[in-house]
Every structure is written in C-alpha cells, then in structure tokens.
C-alpha cells in the first residue's frame, strides 16, 4: 500500500495547476534539474503532474523558486499557518 501521492512539478499540458493540487494525503514532490527537467521514466511513475501558472512567454522557473511556490501552496491548501513546517521535509 502506498502511503503518499507522488507529484511531478512539471509544466506539461496534462498537468493540473498547483492551486488545485490534491493535498489530503502525504506528498512526495519531484522537482527536476534546471534545464533537463524530470526524466520520462520518473514522470511515468508519478501519480499527478502539477504546474505553476505563469504569464504568457514564461515557461519555467529555477528549481529554488519553483520549490518555494509548490511548498508554500501546499501549506496554504492544507490550511496551515505561514511558517509552519507542516511535515514538509527534504530528501536528497
């Protein structure tokens, strides 16, 4: 039994908005390397692909900025106060 939902931070056409990310289960957020992104093999095993809505002509953020947006939005969606860890940690 899988205890977490795997989420690829990916700007693909099939990606949902990070603002609509299902956060009711623990998450494993996968962020790709700048320039290379996430490999096709990893994208295939992620349950959800989520993107950050951006202005026209902008197609990506650096990985530090993208991770800040993702984790801040996850805390907001969970109703956690700003500054709370909310169980968010790093594995690397």
Protein backbone atom coordinates (compact mmCIF):
# COMPACT_ATOMS: atom_id res chain seq x y z
CA UNK A 1 0.00 0.00 0.00
CA UNK A 2 1.36 3.41 -0.98
CA UNK A 3 1.15 5.93 1.83
CA UNK A 4 1.91 9.02 -0.21
CA UNK A 5 0.95 10.61 -3.53
CA UNK A 6 3.81 11.29 -5.95
CA UNK A 7 3.59 14.70 -7.64
CA UNK A 8 5.82 15.81 -10.51
CA UNK A 9 6.37 19.56 -10.68
CA UNK A 10 6.08 19.71 -14.46
CA UNK A 11 4.74 22.30 -16.92
CA UNK A 12 3.26 19.67 -19.25
CA UNK A 13 -0.10 20.05 -20.97
CA UNK A 14 -1.67 17.31 -18.81
CA UNK A 15 -0.57 18.95 -15.57
CA UNK A 16 -3.10 20.36 -13.12
CA UNK A 17 -2.49 23.74 -11.53
CA UNK A 18 -0.54 23.68 -8.27
CA UNK A 19 -3.51 25.69 -6.90
CA UNK A 20 -5.75 22.63 -7.41
CA UNK A 21 -3.31 20.03 -6.14
CA UNK A 22 -4.93 17.24 -4.07
CA UNK A 23 -3.17 17.53 -0.69
CA UNK A 24 -5.28 15.29 1.57
CA UNK A 25 -2.58 12.56 1.57
CA UNK A 26 1.14 12.94 2.32
CA UNK A 27 3.00 14.06 -0.79
CA UNK A 28 6.32 13.29 -2.43
CA UNK A 29 7.04 16.25 -4.72
CA UNK A 30 9.54 15.59 -7.51
CA UNK A 31 11.40 18.60 -8.91
CA UNK A 32 13.58 18.32 -11.99
CA UNK A 33 17.03 19.69 -12.60
CA UNK A 34 17.15 23.08 -14.25
CA UNK A 35 17.38 22.68 -18.00
CA UNK A 36 16.86 18.91 -18.00
CA UNK A 37 13.60 18.68 -16.08
CA UNK A 38 12.20 15.35 -14.89
CA UNK A 39 13.01 12.22 -16.89
CA UNK A 40 10.23 10.46 -18.81
CA UNK A 41 10.70 7.38 -16.61
CA UNK A 42 10.07 9.37 -13.42
CA UNK A 43 7.11 11.25 -14.96
CA UNK A 44 5.55 7.89 -15.83
CA UNK A 45 5.51 6.71 -12.21
CA UNK A 46 4.24 9.98 -10.68
CA UNK A 47 0.51 9.92 -9.94
CA UNK A 48 0.00 13.63 -10.58
CA UNK A 49 1.71 16.28 -12.68
CA UNK A 50 1.24 19.81 -11.40
CA UNK A 51 2.35 23.11 -12.90
CA UNK A 52 2.74 26.69 -11.73
CA UNK A 53 0.52 29.03 -13.77
CA UNK A 54 2.71 31.69 -15.42
CA UNK A 55 2.41 34.69 -17.66
CA UNK A 56 2.46 34.17 -21.41
CA UNK A 57 6.01 33.74 -22.71
CA UNK A 58 7.40 32.40 -19.41
CA UNK A 59 7.80 28.63 -19.46
CA UNK A 60 9.75 27.81 -16.31
CA UNK A 61 11.24 28.95 -13.01
CA UNK A 62 14.52 27.88 -11.48
CA UNK A 63 14.19 24.91 -9.14
CA UNK A 64 14.59 27.01 -5.97
CA UNK A 65 11.77 29.36 -6.95
CA UNK A 66 9.54 26.50 -8.11
CA UNK A 67 10.03 24.58 -4.87
CA UNK A 68 9.18 27.67 -2.82
CA UNK A 69 5.94 28.14 -4.78
CA UNK A 70 4.99 24.46 -4.52
CA UNK A 71 5.62 24.07 -0.80
CA UNK A 72 4.01 27.40 0.10
CA UNK A 73 0.94 26.45 -1.91
CA UNK A 74 0.76 23.00 -0.31
CA UNK A 75 0.75 24.64 3.15
CA UNK A 76 -1.93 27.11 2.05
CA UNK A 77 -4.14 24.36 0.62
CA UNK A 78 -3.80 22.40 3.86
CA UNK A 79 -4.82 25.47 5.87
CA UNK A 80 -1.51 25.62 7.72
CA UNK A 81 -0.27 28.96 9.07
CA UNK A 82 2.67 30.66 7.38
CA UNK A 83 5.96 29.49 8.83
CA UNK A 84 4.59 26.09 9.95
CA UNK A 85 6.66 23.13 8.75
CA UNK A 86 3.54 21.06 8.10
CA UNK A 87 5.61 17.92 7.86
CA UNK A 88 7.42 19.24 4.80
CA UNK A 89 10.99 18.00 4.66
CA UNK A 90 13.75 17.32 2.19
CA UNK A 91 15.25 14.09 0.96
CA UNK A 92 18.25 14.47 -1.23
